[in-house]
Amino acid sequence: MSDSPNAEEFYKKLKYRLEETTTWPSEYLYKFIVKSEASKIDKIESLFNDAGAVIQTTESKNGKYTSISISIEMKNPDAVISKYIEVSSNVNDVISL
C-alpha cells in the first residue's frame, strides 16, 4: 500500500488530520489485523518493542486472524506515518486501521 498513489493520498490526509487534532508529542494507537501466523505477529511486535510500546493481541473467534493494538508515544505525525510505512513494508497482507 505504501507505494500506491492511493496510499500517498491517504498518508497526506492522515498527516493533516493529526496536525489539526493532536498536540505533539502524543500517545497514538495503532491497530493492525493479520492472519494468525506467529511470524507476522512477531514481526509487527518487533517493530515497536524497542520504543516502550504497550502491545495487545486478540485472536478472532475462529482463530484465523489476529488484531494487534499498539499504544505508543510518538513525536509527530511524520513519525506516525513512518511507522505505518515500516509495518506495511515489512509484513505482507497486513491491514492497517
N, C-alpha and C. Protein backbone atom coordinates (compact mmCIF):
# COMPACT_ATOMS: atom_id res chain seq x y z
N MET A 1 0.82 -1.19 0.00
CA MET A 1 0.00 0.00 0.00
C MET A 1 0.86 1.26 0.00
N SER A 2 2.00 1.21 0.59
CA SER A 2 2.80 2.42 0.76
C SER A 2 3.34 2.97 -0.55
N ASP A 3 3.31 2.18 -1.64
CA ASP A 3 3.86 2.64 -2.91
C ASP A 3 2.79 3.19 -3.86
N SER A 4 1.54 2.98 -3.55
CA SER A 4 0.49 3.37 -4.48
C SER A 4 0.10 4.83 -4.32
N PRO A 5 -0.46 5.42 -5.38
CA PRO A 5 -0.95 6.81 -5.28
C PRO A 5 -2.03 6.96 -4.20
N ASN A 6 -2.87 5.92 -4.04
CA ASN A 6 -3.90 5.96 -3.01
C ASN A 6 -3.27 6.04 -1.62
N ALA A 7 -2.20 5.32 -1.41
CA ALA A 7 -1.51 5.35 -0.12
C ALA A 7 -0.93 6.72 0.13
N GLU A 8 -0.36 7.32 -0.89
CA GLU A 8 0.23 8.64 -0.75
C GLU A 8 -0.84 9.66 -0.33
N GLU A 9 -1.99 9.58 -0.96
CA GLU A 9 -3.10 10.48 -0.61
C GLU A 9 -3.61 10.20 0.80
N PHE A 10 -3.72 8.92 1.14
CA PHE A 10 -4.15 8.53 2.48
C PHE A 10 -3.22 9.13 3.53
N TYR A 11 -1.92 8.97 3.35
CA TYR A 11 -0.97 9.48 4.34
C TYR A 11 -0.97 11.00 4.40
N LYS A 12 -1.20 11.64 3.29
CA LYS A 12 -1.28 13.10 3.26
C LYS A 12 -2.47 13.58 4.10
N LYS A 13 -3.62 12.93 3.91
CA LYS A 13 -4.81 13.28 4.69
C LYS A 13 -4.62 12.96 6.17
N LEU A 14 -4.02 11.82 6.45
CA LEU A 14 -3.78 11.44 7.84
C LEU A 14 -2.88 12.46 8.52
N LYS A 15 -1.82 12.87 7.86
CA LYS A 15 -0.92 13.86 8.43
C LYS A 15 -1.66 15.16 8.76
N TYR A 16 -2.48 15.61 7.83
CA TYR A 16 -3.25 16.83 8.05
C TYR A 16 -4.15 16.69 9.27
N ARG A 17 -4.88 15.57 9.35
CA ARG A 17 -5.80 15.34 10.49
C ARG A 17 -5.04 15.30 11.80
N LEU A 18 -3.90 14.61 11.81
CA LEU A 18 -3.12 14.51 13.04
C LEU A 18 -2.57 15.87 13.47
N GLU A 19 -2.17 16.67 12.51
CA GLU A 19 -1.66 18.02 12.83
C GLU A 19 -2.77 18.91 13.40
N GLU A 20 -3.97 18.74 12.88
CA GLU A 20 -5.09 19.59 13.29
C GLU A 20 -5.73 19.17 14.61
N THR A 21 -5.63 17.90 14.96
CA THR A 21 -6.40 17.39 16.10
C THR A 21 -5.56 16.98 17.31
N THR A 22 -4.26 16.99 17.18
CA THR A 22 -3.43 16.44 18.24
C THR A 22 -2.27 17.37 18.59
N THR A 23 -1.96 17.44 19.88
CA THR A 23 -0.78 18.17 20.34
C THR A 23 0.35 17.16 20.46
N TRP A 24 1.47 17.47 19.87
CA TRP A 24 2.59 16.52 19.82
C TRP A 24 3.71 16.93 20.75
N PRO A 25 4.43 15.98 21.34
CA PRO A 25 4.28 14.52 21.22
C PRO A 25 3.00 14.05 21.89
N SER A 26 2.51 12.88 21.45
CA SER A 26 1.25 12.36 21.93
C SER A 26 1.22 10.84 21.86
N GLU A 27 0.35 10.26 22.67
CA GLU A 27 0.11 8.82 22.63
C GLU A 27 -0.70 8.53 21.36
N TYR A 28 -0.30 7.50 20.62
CA TYR A 28 -1.00 7.13 19.39
C TYR A 28 -1.33 5.64 19.45
N LEU A 29 -2.53 5.29 19.00
CA LEU A 29 -2.96 3.90 19.00
C LEU A 29 -2.99 3.36 17.57
N TYR A 30 -2.10 2.42 17.30
CA TYR A 30 -2.08 1.72 16.01
C TYR A 30 -2.94 0.48 16.15
N LYS A 31 -3.63 0.11 15.06
CA LYS A 31 -4.37 -1.15 15.03
C LYS A 31 -4.07 -1.83 13.70
N PHE A 32 -3.71 -3.10 13.82
CA PHE A 32 -3.40 -3.90 12.63
C PHE A 32 -4.15 -5.21 12.73
N ILE A 33 -4.48 -5.78 11.58
CA ILE A 33 -5.06 -7.12 11.52
C ILE A 33 -4.22 -7.94 10.56
N VAL A 34 -3.84 -9.14 11.01
CA VAL A 34 -3.06 -10.06 10.19
C VAL A 34 -3.61 -11.46 10.36
N LYS A 35 -3.26 -12.34 9.41
CA LYS A 35 -3.57 -13.75 9.60
C LYS A 35 -2.83 -14.21 10.86
N SER A 36 -3.43 -15.13 11.57
CA SER A 36 -2.86 -15.60 12.83
C SER A 36 -1.64 -16.49 12.58
N GLU A 37 -0.58 -15.86 12.11
CA GLU A 37 0.69 -16.53 11.89
C GLU A 37 1.70 -15.89 12.84
N ALA A 38 2.35 -16.71 13.64
CA ALA A 38 3.29 -16.20 14.64
C ALA A 38 4.35 -15.30 14.04
N SER A 39 4.83 -15.63 12.84
CA SER A 39 5.89 -14.83 12.23
C SER A 39 5.43 -13.41 11.93
N LYS A 40 4.18 -13.25 11.48
CA LYS A 40 3.66 -11.92 11.17
C LYS A 40 3.44 -11.11 12.45
N ILE A 41 2.86 -11.76 13.45
CA ILE A 41 2.60 -11.09 14.72
C ILE A 41 3.92 -10.67 15.36
N ASP A 42 4.87 -11.58 15.39
CA ASP A 42 6.18 -11.29 15.98
C ASP A 42 6.89 -10.16 15.25
N LYS A 43 6.78 -10.12 13.94
CA LYS A 43 7.45 -9.07 13.16
C LYS A 43 6.87 -7.70 13.50
N ILE A 44 5.55 -7.60 13.56
CA ILE A 44 4.94 -6.32 13.91
C ILE A 44 5.35 -5.90 15.32
N GLU A 45 5.28 -6.83 16.26
CA GLU A 45 5.66 -6.51 17.64
C GLU A 45 7.12 -6.06 17.70
N SER A 46 7.98 -6.69 16.94
CA SER A 46 9.41 -6.34 16.98
C SER A 46 9.67 -4.93 16.44
N LEU A 47 8.81 -4.44 15.56
CA LEU A 47 8.98 -3.10 15.01
C LEU A 47 8.65 -2.01 16.03
N PHE A 48 7.97 -2.39 17.12
CA PHE A 48 7.57 -1.42 18.15
C PHE A 48 8.20 -1.68 19.51
N ASN A 49 8.72 -2.87 19.75
CA ASN A 49 9.20 -3.25 21.08
C ASN A 49 10.27 -2.34 21.65
N ASP A 50 11.18 -1.85 20.85
CA ASP A 50 12.29 -1.05 21.36
C ASP A 50 11.87 0.37 21.74
N ALA A 51 10.60 0.72 21.55
CA ALA A 51 10.16 2.09 21.80
C ALA A 51 9.22 2.21 22.99
N GLY A 52 9.13 1.18 23.82
CA GLY A 52 8.28 1.25 25.00
C GLY A 52 6.80 1.16 24.72
N ALA A 53 6.42 0.46 23.69
CA ALA A 53 5.02 0.33 23.31
C ALA A 53 4.27 -0.65 24.21
N VAL A 54 2.98 -0.40 24.37
CA VAL A 54 2.09 -1.34 25.04
C VAL A 54 1.34 -2.07 23.93
N ILE A 55 1.56 -3.39 23.87
CA ILE A 55 1.03 -4.18 22.75
C ILE A 55 0.02 -5.19 23.27
N GLN A 56 -1.17 -5.23 22.62
CA GLN A 56 -2.20 -6.20 22.96
C GLN A 56 -2.61 -6.93 21.70
N THR A 57 -2.75 -8.25 21.80
CA THR A 57 -3.21 -9.02 20.65
C THR A 57 -4.51 -9.73 21.02
N THR A 58 -5.40 -9.83 20.05
CA THR A 58 -6.67 -10.52 20.23
C THR A 58 -6.93 -11.37 19.01
N GLU A 59 -7.12 -12.65 19.24
CA GLU A 59 -7.39 -13.56 18.13
C GLU A 59 -8.88 -13.53 17.81
N SER A 60 -9.21 -13.64 16.52
CA SER A 60 -10.62 -13.67 16.11
C SER A 60 -11.29 -14.93 16.65
N LYS A 61 -12.62 -14.93 16.62
CA LYS A 61 -13.39 -16.04 17.17
C LYS A 61 -12.99 -17.38 16.56
N ASN A 62 -12.76 -17.40 15.26
CA ASN A 62 -12.39 -18.66 14.61
C ASN A 62 -10.88 -18.89 14.58
N GLY A 63 -10.11 -17.93 15.08
CA GLY A 63 -8.66 -18.09 15.17
C GLY A 63 -7.90 -17.83 13.89
N LYS A 64 -8.59 -17.38 12.85
CA LYS A 64 -7.94 -17.18 11.56
C LYS A 64 -7.14 -15.88 11.51
N TYR A 65 -7.61 -14.85 12.23
CA TYR A 65 -6.94 -13.54 12.22
C TYR A 65 -6.62 -13.08 13.63
N THR A 66 -5.65 -12.19 13.71
CA THR A 66 -5.28 -11.59 15.00
C THR A 66 -5.26 -10.08 14.85
N SER A 67 -5.88 -9.42 15.82
CA SER A 67 -5.87 -7.96 15.89
C SER A 67 -4.73 -7.57 16.83
N ILE A 68 -3.94 -6.60 16.40
CA ILE A 68 -2.82 -6.12 17.21
C ILE A 68 -3.03 -4.64 17.47
N SER A 69 -3.16 -4.27 18.75
CA SER A 69 -3.30 -2.87 19.15
C SER A 69 -2.01 -2.45 19.83
N ILE A 70 -1.47 -1.32 19.39
CA ILE A 70 -0.19 -0.84 19.90
C ILE A 70 -0.33 0.61 20.30
N SER A 71 -0.14 0.86 21.59
CA SER A 71 -0.20 2.23 22.11
C SER A 71 1.23 2.68 22.39
N ILE A 72 1.60 3.82 21.82
CA ILE A 72 2.98 4.28 21.92
C ILE A 72 3.02 5.80 21.79
N GLU A 73 3.95 6.43 22.49
CA GLU A 73 4.12 7.87 22.35
C GLU A 73 4.94 8.16 21.10
N MET A 74 4.38 9.04 20.27
CA MET A 74 5.03 9.41 19.02
C MET A 74 5.35 10.90 19.05
N LYS A 75 6.44 11.28 18.35
CA LYS A 75 6.91 12.67 18.36
C LYS A 75 6.05 13.61 17.54
N ASN A 76 5.59 13.12 16.37
CA ASN A 76 4.86 13.98 15.45
C ASN A 76 4.15 13.13 14.39
N PRO A 77 3.30 13.76 13.56
CA PRO A 77 2.59 13.00 12.53
C PRO A 77 3.52 12.26 11.56
N ASP A 78 4.67 12.84 11.25
CA ASP A 78 5.60 12.16 10.34
C ASP A 78 6.10 10.85 10.93
N ALA A 79 6.32 10.83 12.25
CA ALA A 79 6.76 9.60 12.92
C ALA A 79 5.66 8.54 12.88
N VAL A 80 4.40 8.96 13.05
CA VAL A 80 3.26 8.04 12.98
C VAL A 80 3.20 7.40 11.60
N ILE A 81 3.27 8.21 10.58
CA ILE A 81 3.19 7.72 9.20
C ILE A 81 4.38 6.84 8.86
N SER A 82 5.54 7.21 9.34
CA SER A 82 6.74 6.41 9.10
C SER A 82 6.58 4.98 9.62
N LYS A 83 5.96 4.85 10.79
CA LYS A 83 5.73 3.51 11.36
C LYS A 83 4.74 2.72 10.52
N TYR A 84 3.67 3.37 10.05
CA TYR A 84 2.73 2.67 9.17
C TYR A 84 3.44 2.14 7.94
N ILE A 85 4.28 2.96 7.34
CA ILE A 85 5.01 2.55 6.14
C ILE A 85 5.98 1.43 6.47
N GLU A 86 6.65 1.52 7.61
CA GLU A 86 7.59 0.47 8.02
C GLU A 86 6.88 -0.86 8.18
N VAL A 87 5.71 -0.86 8.82
CA VAL A 87 4.95 -2.10 9.01
C VAL A 87 4.51 -2.66 7.66
N SER A 88 3.92 -1.83 6.81
CA SER A 88 3.42 -2.34 5.53
C SER A 88 4.56 -2.79 4.62
N SER A 89 5.74 -2.25 4.80
CA SER A 89 6.89 -2.67 4.00
C SER A 89 7.50 -3.98 4.49
N ASN A 90 7.29 -4.31 5.76
CA ASN A 90 7.94 -5.48 6.35
C ASN A 90 7.01 -6.67 6.59
N VAL A 91 5.71 -6.44 6.52
CA VAL A 91 4.75 -7.53 6.80
C VAL A 91 3.75 -7.59 5.65
N ASN A 92 3.70 -8.74 5.00
CA ASN A 92 2.77 -8.93 3.88
C ASN A 92 1.34 -9.09 4.39
N ASP A 93 0.39 -8.58 3.62
CA ASP A 93 -1.04 -8.76 3.87
C ASP A 93 -1.50 -8.24 5.23
N VAL A 94 -0.92 -7.13 5.67
CA VAL A 94 -1.36 -6.53 6.93
C VAL A 94 -2.41 -5.48 6.61
N ILE A 95 -3.44 -5.42 7.44
CA ILE A 95 -4.48 -4.41 7.31
C ILE A 95 -4.26 -3.39 8.41
N SER A 96 -4.11 -2.13 8.03
CA SER A 96 -3.93 -1.05 9.00
C SER A 96 -5.27 -0.35 9.20
N LEU A 97 -5.65 -0.18 10.45
CA LEU A 97 -6.93 0.50 10.74
C LEU A 97 -6.66 1.86 11.34
